[in-house]
Amino acid sequence: MRLALRTADAAAEHGEVPVGAVVLDAAGQVLAAGGNERELTSDVAAHAEIVAMRRASEVLGEGWRLPGCTLVVTLEPCVMCAGAIVAARLERVVFGAFDPKAGAVASLWDLLRDPRLLHRPAVVSGILADQVEAQLQAFFAGRR
């Protein structure tokens, strides 16, 4: 999570909302990291989770699936990212702060654990949540 926080800081330096994500392989080694890049790339789908998963897929070179991998992200994933997580067949998702406005893993919806889905990754939440919240609050306070 600390690497995800640093990645989020780097995104904020480019005017992006500070969200960072890291993909770990089954042995816990870092495959890839990514921060929000929506402003940088003019890509609505360039959330930190998507950026990190795309990079991890490139590193693995085995297509779009990420079985056995863990996604660590500073903020609870949204609906789009939750869908991509399920599609990528990630084994586990670890996130920091809950997102009461757009969270699709616990706050507004619980998409990753919906029993109707074919694949349901394990979810761990609240990791370094205070630090994530402070990072987000500082970013938005600076924009007001």
Protein backbone atom coordinates (compact mmCIF):
# COMPACT_ATOMS: atom_id res chain seq x y z
CA MET A 1 0.00 0.00 0.00
CA ARG A 2 2.91 2.34 0.62
CA LEU A 3 4.00 1.96 -3.01
CA ALA A 4 0.42 2.67 -4.11
CA LEU A 5 0.45 5.84 -1.96
CA ARG A 6 3.70 6.98 -3.58
CA THR A 7 2.23 6.26 -7.01
CA ALA A 8 -0.82 8.34 -6.06
CA ASP A 9 1.49 11.21 -5.05
CA ALA A 10 3.13 11.07 -8.47
CA ALA A 11 -0.29 11.22 -10.15
CA ALA A 12 -1.21 14.28 -8.08
CA GLU A 13 1.95 16.04 -9.26
CA HIS A 14 0.45 15.86 -12.76
CA GLY A 15 -2.91 17.25 -11.62
CA GLU A 16 -4.58 13.85 -11.35
CA VAL A 17 -6.74 12.80 -8.42
CA PRO A 18 -4.21 10.95 -6.23
CA VAL A 19 -5.16 7.31 -6.60
CA GLY A 20 -2.44 4.71 -6.97
CA ALA A 21 -2.55 1.00 -7.68
CA VAL A 22 -0.05 -1.86 -7.67
CA VAL A 23 -0.40 -5.38 -9.06
CA LEU A 24 1.48 -8.16 -7.27
CA ASP A 25 2.11 -11.63 -8.62
CA ALA A 26 1.26 -14.79 -6.66
CA ALA A 27 4.62 -14.59 -4.86
CA GLY A 28 3.97 -11.00 -3.77
CA GLN A 29 6.43 -9.43 -6.21
CA VAL A 30 5.46 -6.14 -7.82
CA LEU A 31 4.51 -6.59 -11.47
CA ALA A 32 3.35 -3.06 -12.18
CA ALA A 33 2.09 0.17 -10.67
CA GLY A 34 -0.07 2.94 -12.02
CA GLY A 35 -1.73 6.14 -10.97
CA ASN A 36 -4.70 7.98 -12.39
CA GLU A 37 -3.93 9.20 -15.92
CA ARG A 38 -7.30 10.49 -17.11
CA GLU A 39 -6.17 14.09 -17.53
CA LEU A 40 -2.77 13.11 -18.90
CA THR A 41 -4.16 10.78 -21.57
CA SER A 42 -7.68 12.20 -22.07
CA ASP A 43 -8.88 8.66 -21.44
CA VAL A 44 -11.97 8.21 -19.28
CA ALA A 45 -10.86 4.65 -18.48
CA ALA A 46 -7.37 5.60 -17.28
CA HIS A 47 -8.08 5.00 -13.60
CA ALA A 48 -5.13 3.81 -11.52
CA GLU A 49 -6.48 0.25 -11.34
CA ILE A 50 -6.88 -0.02 -15.11
CA VAL A 51 -3.45 1.49 -15.76
CA ALA A 52 -1.77 -0.92 -13.32
CA MET A 53 -3.66 -3.96 -14.67
CA ARG A 54 -2.76 -3.08 -18.27
CA ARG A 55 0.90 -2.76 -17.34
CA ALA A 56 0.85 -6.01 -15.37
CA SER A 57 -0.68 -7.81 -18.35
CA GLU A 58 2.13 -6.50 -20.55
CA VAL A 59 4.74 -7.70 -18.05
CA LEU A 60 3.22 -11.17 -17.83
CA GLY A 61 2.73 -11.37 -21.56
CA GLU A 62 -0.09 -13.87 -21.20
CA GLY A 63 -3.03 -11.79 -22.38
CA TRP A 64 -5.56 -9.96 -20.28
CA ARG A 65 -6.01 -12.43 -17.42
CA LEU A 66 -4.21 -11.87 -14.11
CA PRO A 67 -4.92 -15.08 -12.17
CA GLY A 68 -3.17 -15.43 -8.83
CA CYS A 69 -2.45 -11.69 -8.76
CA THR A 70 -3.38 -9.12 -6.15
CA LEU A 71 -4.42 -5.54 -6.86
CA VAL A 72 -3.53 -3.05 -4.13
CA VAL A 73 -5.23 0.32 -4.59
CA THR A 74 -5.47 3.36 -2.38
CA LEU A 75 -9.18 4.03 -2.94
CA GLU A 76 -12.10 1.62 -3.20
CA PRO A 77 -12.63 0.77 -6.89
CA CYS A 78 -15.54 2.20 -8.87
CA VAL A 79 -18.01 0.19 -10.97
CA MET A 80 -15.81 0.31 -14.08
CA CYS A 81 -12.73 -0.85 -12.23
CA ALA A 82 -14.65 -3.54 -10.33
CA GLY A 83 -15.84 -4.92 -13.66
CA ALA A 84 -12.28 -4.97 -14.99
CA ILE A 85 -11.07 -6.68 -11.80
CA VAL A 86 -13.61 -9.47 -12.24
CA ALA A 87 -12.82 -9.80 -15.95
CA ALA A 88 -9.06 -10.02 -15.26
CA ARG A 89 -9.66 -12.84 -12.78
CA LEU A 90 -7.63 -11.19 -10.03
CA GLU A 91 -7.35 -13.34 -6.93
CA ARG A 92 -7.43 -10.55 -4.36
CA VAL A 93 -8.14 -6.83 -4.06
CA VAL A 94 -6.71 -4.79 -1.21
CA PHE A 95 -7.81 -1.18 -0.83
CA GLY A 96 -7.25 1.66 1.58
CA ALA A 97 -10.06 4.17 1.93
CA PHE A 98 -13.73 3.56 1.27
CA ASP A 99 -15.32 5.73 -1.41
CA PRO A 100 -18.83 6.69 -0.25
CA LYS A 101 -19.56 8.48 -3.54
CA ALA A 102 -18.49 5.86 -6.09
CA GLY A 103 -17.25 2.74 -4.30
CA ALA A 104 -18.37 -0.50 -5.92
CA VAL A 105 -16.69 -2.98 -3.58
CA ALA A 106 -18.43 -2.11 -0.33
CA SER A 107 -19.72 1.46 -0.09
CA LEU A 108 -22.45 1.74 -2.73
CA TRP A 109 -22.32 -1.75 -4.22
CA ASP A 110 -20.57 -5.02 -3.47
CA LEU A 111 -19.84 -6.10 -7.02
CA LEU A 112 -16.74 -8.16 -6.32
CA ARG A 113 -18.54 -10.48 -3.92
CA ASP A 114 -21.81 -10.77 -5.84
CA PRO A 115 -22.66 -14.49 -5.85
CA ARG A 116 -24.08 -14.22 -9.37
CA LEU A 117 -20.62 -13.59 -10.81
CA LEU A 118 -18.45 -16.39 -12.11
CA HIS A 119 -15.31 -14.97 -10.48
CA ARG A 120 -15.19 -13.35 -7.05
CA PRO A 121 -11.83 -12.12 -5.74
CA ALA A 122 -11.10 -11.91 -2.04
CA VAL A 123 -11.35 -8.37 -0.66
CA VAL A 124 -9.33 -6.73 2.11
CA SER A 125 -10.22 -3.14 3.02
CA GLY A 126 -9.14 -0.29 5.26
CA ILE A 127 -5.37 -0.69 4.83
CA LEU A 128 -3.68 2.63 5.71
CA ALA A 129 -7.08 4.25 5.21
CA ASP A 130 -6.19 7.29 7.34
CA GLN A 131 -3.17 8.05 5.17
CA VAL A 132 -5.17 7.61 1.97
CA GLU A 133 -7.93 9.89 3.24
CA ALA A 134 -5.40 12.53 4.32
CA GLN A 135 -3.76 12.39 0.87
CA LEU A 136 -7.09 12.86 -0.90
CA GLN A 137 -8.23 15.62 1.46
CA ALA A 138 -4.98 17.55 0.98
CA PHE A 139 -5.29 17.27 -2.80
CA PHE A 140 -8.86 18.55 -2.91
CA ALA A 141 -8.20 21.28 -0.32
CA GLY A 142 -5.46 22.59 -2.59
CA ARG A 143 -7.89 22.74 -5.52
CA ARG A 144 -10.54 24.80 -3.70
